[in-house]
Every structure is written in C-alpha cells, then in structure tokens.
C-alpha cells in the first residue's frame, strides 16, 4: 500500500475552483458548472475538489474541524520538463487568478528551478524543474 490515489481539496466556491483548475490544464469529465464534487484525471494521483463545509462535516458530523488561515505546512507540486515550461505555467497561473507567492528562481542546492503560487483557496503549489529529473511512461517523476 505505497500510493496516494486521491488528494482532496476543500474549496469555498466549487464553480470558481473548477474553472481555475481547468484553466491551468487539469482535465475532468465533469461538464456541470455547479457540480457537487469534481475529480480531475491526472497522470497518477487524482485531484478532487469538494465544498469545504461538506468535507469538514464528512470528517466529523458533530464537531466539524474549522479551517484556519495561514501556512498549513503542506504543498502540492507540479514537476515539469524545462525552465521554459515552469515560466509558461506561472504565466497561466497569473492569468487564471492564482496568487504568485515566489517567482521561479534557480536553486543551486538541488540544481533546480522552482517557484510557488496559491490557488483560489490558499493551497500552496510548487512548480519545479530539475536538470537531472527523469519521468516514467505515465509522466510521473522518478526519484531514486
């Protein structure tokens, strides 16, 4: 059992978040603009959007957890094949309404190039490229 099948993000406005992620290129079979839940078909792990109040109630119906603002101590990552792809993705994030937290820069510690943005609900995403990275047939990053 060494896998993560699904990452669920509790979102404030499902319709807006759906449009945001579609604008970034995430693929879904969902055609309804006001769905109760959304699944994006990625290469590997699936990304789910679920209304935040419903997610909290699903976790604990009697005493649902409250979301606090600030850094949650977790980031999601998109690993790309070149610095050009990283820069193009950041342009797309900005045009789609995301918030740039850190523009991509070279990182000599791991011979990489990366930056951070947040989505409409404040979830942190890193977009990165590493010169020594390899990808498998499913476009998943290989880490030896």
Foldseek 3Di string as FASTA:
>chain_A
DPAAAEDEDADAQVLLLVQLVVLLPFAFPDPDSRDQKTWTDALGHIYIYHHNVVVQCVVPVVDGDDDDDDDPPDAAEDEDADPVVQQVSVVSNVVSDKAWPFAWDQDVVQRKIWGWIAGPRGHIYIYIYHPPWDADPSRHTDDD
